[in-house]
Amino acid sequence: TRQLEMEAVSKALAVLSGDDAHDLFTRTFNPALLQRESVERSQHREEASRVLSAVAQKLHSPRLATLAYQVKLDAFTRVKKA
């Protein structure tokens, strides 16, 4: 069974690394979609941070101010981990 698994993996790799697979990927991949999602998430994160900061100032809440700061910087933390 191990031999069959290795043969199947070899065949799958041959298909995935072939010219047809490369051509299909090149035709169907749209990097603009990835960028748009990233920009939208960034805008949502920025808006959430602004709302939290405004409420923190209004209520004089250091906890909310800290949360607003963390929301704003969370994206950078994920990048640093990678």
C-alpha atoms as a PDB file:
ATOM      1  CA  THR A   1       0.000   0.000   0.000  1.00  0.00           C
ATOM      2  CA  ARG A   2       2.885   2.341   0.685  1.00  0.00           C
ATOM      3  CA  GLN A   3       4.137   1.792  -2.846  1.00  0.00           C
ATOM      4  CA  LEU A   4       0.690   2.632  -4.248  1.00  0.00           C
ATOM      5  CA  GLU A   5       0.588   5.826  -2.208  1.00  0.00           C
ATOM      6  CA  MET A   6       3.982   6.889  -3.520  1.00  0.00           C
ATOM      7  CA  GLU A   7       2.920   6.187  -7.094  1.00  0.00           C
ATOM      8  CA  ALA A   8      -0.281   8.190  -6.633  1.00  0.00           C
ATOM      9  CA  VAL A   9       1.627  11.136  -5.161  1.00  0.00           C
ATOM     10  CA  SER A  10       4.119  11.020  -8.024  1.00  0.00           C
ATOM     11  CA  LYS A  11       1.312  11.068 -10.586  1.00  0.00           C
ATOM     12  CA  ALA A  12      -0.424  13.942  -8.787  1.00  0.00           C
ATOM     13  CA  LEU A  13       2.803  15.951  -8.721  1.00  0.00           C
ATOM     14  CA  ALA A  14       3.337  15.291 -12.408  1.00  0.00           C
ATOM     15  CA  VAL A  15      -0.142  16.605 -13.200  1.00  0.00           C
ATOM     16  CA  LEU A  16       0.188  19.653 -10.951  1.00  0.00           C
ATOM     17  CA  SER A  17       3.627  20.598 -12.227  1.00  0.00           C
ATOM     18  CA  GLY A  18       2.754  20.083 -15.892  1.00  0.00           C
ATOM     19  CA  ASP A  19       2.398  22.785 -18.510  1.00  0.00           C
ATOM     20  CA  ASP A  20      -1.394  22.415 -18.650  1.00  0.00           C
ATOM     21  CA  ALA A  21      -1.723  23.085 -14.914  1.00  0.00           C
ATOM     22  CA  HIS A  22       0.600  26.078 -15.180  1.00  0.00           C
ATOM     23  CA  ASP A  23      -1.380  27.527 -18.090  1.00  0.00           C
ATOM     24  CA  LEU A  24      -4.671  27.047 -16.244  1.00  0.00           C
ATOM     25  CA  PHE A  25      -3.320  28.731 -13.132  1.00  0.00           C
ATOM     26  CA  THR A  26      -1.948  31.642 -15.151  1.00  0.00           C
ATOM     27  CA  ARG A  27      -5.276  32.175 -16.917  1.00  0.00           C
ATOM     28  CA  THR A  28      -7.481  31.936 -13.820  1.00  0.00           C
ATOM     29  CA  PHE A  29      -5.344  33.660 -11.179  1.00  0.00           C
ATOM     30  CA  ASN A  30      -6.422  37.242 -10.530  1.00  0.00           C
ATOM     31  CA  PRO A  31      -4.152  39.056  -8.052  1.00  0.00           C
ATOM     32  CA  ALA A  32      -6.457  42.089  -8.031  1.00  0.00           C
ATOM     33  CA  LEU A  33      -8.948  40.094  -5.966  1.00  0.00           C
ATOM     34  CA  LEU A  34      -6.366  39.379  -3.297  1.00  0.00           C
ATOM     35  CA  GLN A  35      -5.324  42.994  -3.051  1.00  0.00           C
ATOM     36  CA  ARG A  36      -8.906  44.205  -2.833  1.00  0.00           C
ATOM     37  CA  GLU A  37      -9.651  41.876   0.057  1.00  0.00           C
ATOM     38  CA  SER A  38      -6.539  43.049   1.847  1.00  0.00           C
ATOM     39  CA  VAL A  39      -7.471  46.707   1.359  1.00  0.00           C
ATOM     40  CA  GLU A  40     -11.045  46.102   2.526  1.00  0.00           C
ATOM     41  CA  ARG A  41      -9.858  44.345   5.672  1.00  0.00           C
ATOM     42  CA  SER A  42      -7.437  47.162   6.361  1.00  0.00           C
ATOM     43  CA  GLN A  43     -10.203  49.736   5.990  1.00  0.00           C
ATOM     44  CA  HIS A  44     -12.517  47.804   8.304  1.00  0.00           C
ATOM     45  CA  ARG A  45      -9.743  47.459  10.879  1.00  0.00           C
ATOM     46  CA  GLU A  46      -8.976  51.180  10.699  1.00  0.00           C
ATOM     47  CA  GLU A  47     -12.647  52.100  11.120  1.00  0.00           C
ATOM     48  CA  ALA A  48     -13.016  49.771  14.115  1.00  0.00           C
ATOM     49  CA  SER A  49      -9.931  51.298  15.687  1.00  0.00           C
ATOM     50  CA  ARG A  50     -11.290  54.835  15.180  1.00  0.00           C
ATOM     51  CA  VAL A  51     -14.651  53.948  16.726  1.00  0.00           C
ATOM     52  CA  LEU A  52     -13.014  52.288  19.720  1.00  0.00           C
ATOM     53  CA  SER A  53     -10.675  55.255  20.202  1.00  0.00           C
ATOM     54  CA  ALA A  54     -13.551  57.728  20.102  1.00  0.00           C
ATOM     55  CA  VAL A  55     -15.558  55.752  22.658  1.00  0.00           C
ATOM     56  CA  ALA A  56     -12.464  55.319  24.834  1.00  0.00           C
ATOM     57  CA  GLN A  57     -11.928  59.089  24.896  1.00  0.00           C
ATOM     58  CA  LYS A  58     -15.580  59.785  25.596  1.00  0.00           C
ATOM     59  CA  LEU A  59     -15.695  57.281  28.473  1.00  0.00           C
ATOM     60  CA  HIS A  60     -12.115  57.940  29.651  1.00  0.00           C
ATOM     61  CA  SER A  61     -11.472  54.200  29.367  1.00  0.00           C
ATOM     62  CA  PRO A  62      -7.846  53.113  29.153  1.00  0.00           C
ATOM     63  CA  ARG A  63      -8.963  49.536  28.440  1.00  0.00           C
ATOM     64  CA  LEU A  64     -10.869  50.589  25.325  1.00  0.00           C
ATOM     65  CA  ALA A  65      -7.965  52.774  24.251  1.00  0.00           C
ATOM     66  CA  THR A  66      -5.652  49.778  24.557  1.00  0.00           C
ATOM     67  CA  LEU A  67      -8.083  47.638  22.582  1.00  0.00           C
ATOM     68  CA  ALA A  68      -8.253  50.273  19.831  1.00  0.00           C
ATOM     69  CA  TYR A  69      -4.468  50.299  19.662  1.00  0.00           C
ATOM     70  CA  GLN A  70      -4.317  46.493  19.503  1.00  0.00           C
ATOM     71  CA  VAL A  71      -6.919  46.352  16.727  1.00  0.00           C
ATOM     72  CA  LYS A  72      -4.920  48.849  14.718  1.00  0.00           C
ATOM     73  CA  LEU A  73      -1.637  46.971  15.126  1.00  0.00           C
ATOM     74  CA  ASP A  74      -2.976  43.402  14.903  1.00  0.00           C
ATOM     75  CA  ALA A  75      -2.267  43.167  11.182  1.00  0.00           C
ATOM     76  CA  PHE A  76       1.386  44.002  11.778  1.00  0.00           C
ATOM     77  CA  THR A  77       1.662  41.328  14.454  1.00  0.00           C
ATOM     78  CA  ARG A  78       0.501  38.698  11.964  1.00  0.00           C
ATOM     79  CA  VAL A  79       3.091  39.866   9.441  1.00  0.00           C
ATOM     80  CA  LYS A  80       5.866  39.725  12.043  1.00  0.00           C
ATOM     81  CA  LYS A  81       4.971  36.122  12.930  1.00  0.00           C
ATOM     82  CA  ALA A  82       5.294  35.069   9.296  1.00  0.00           C
END
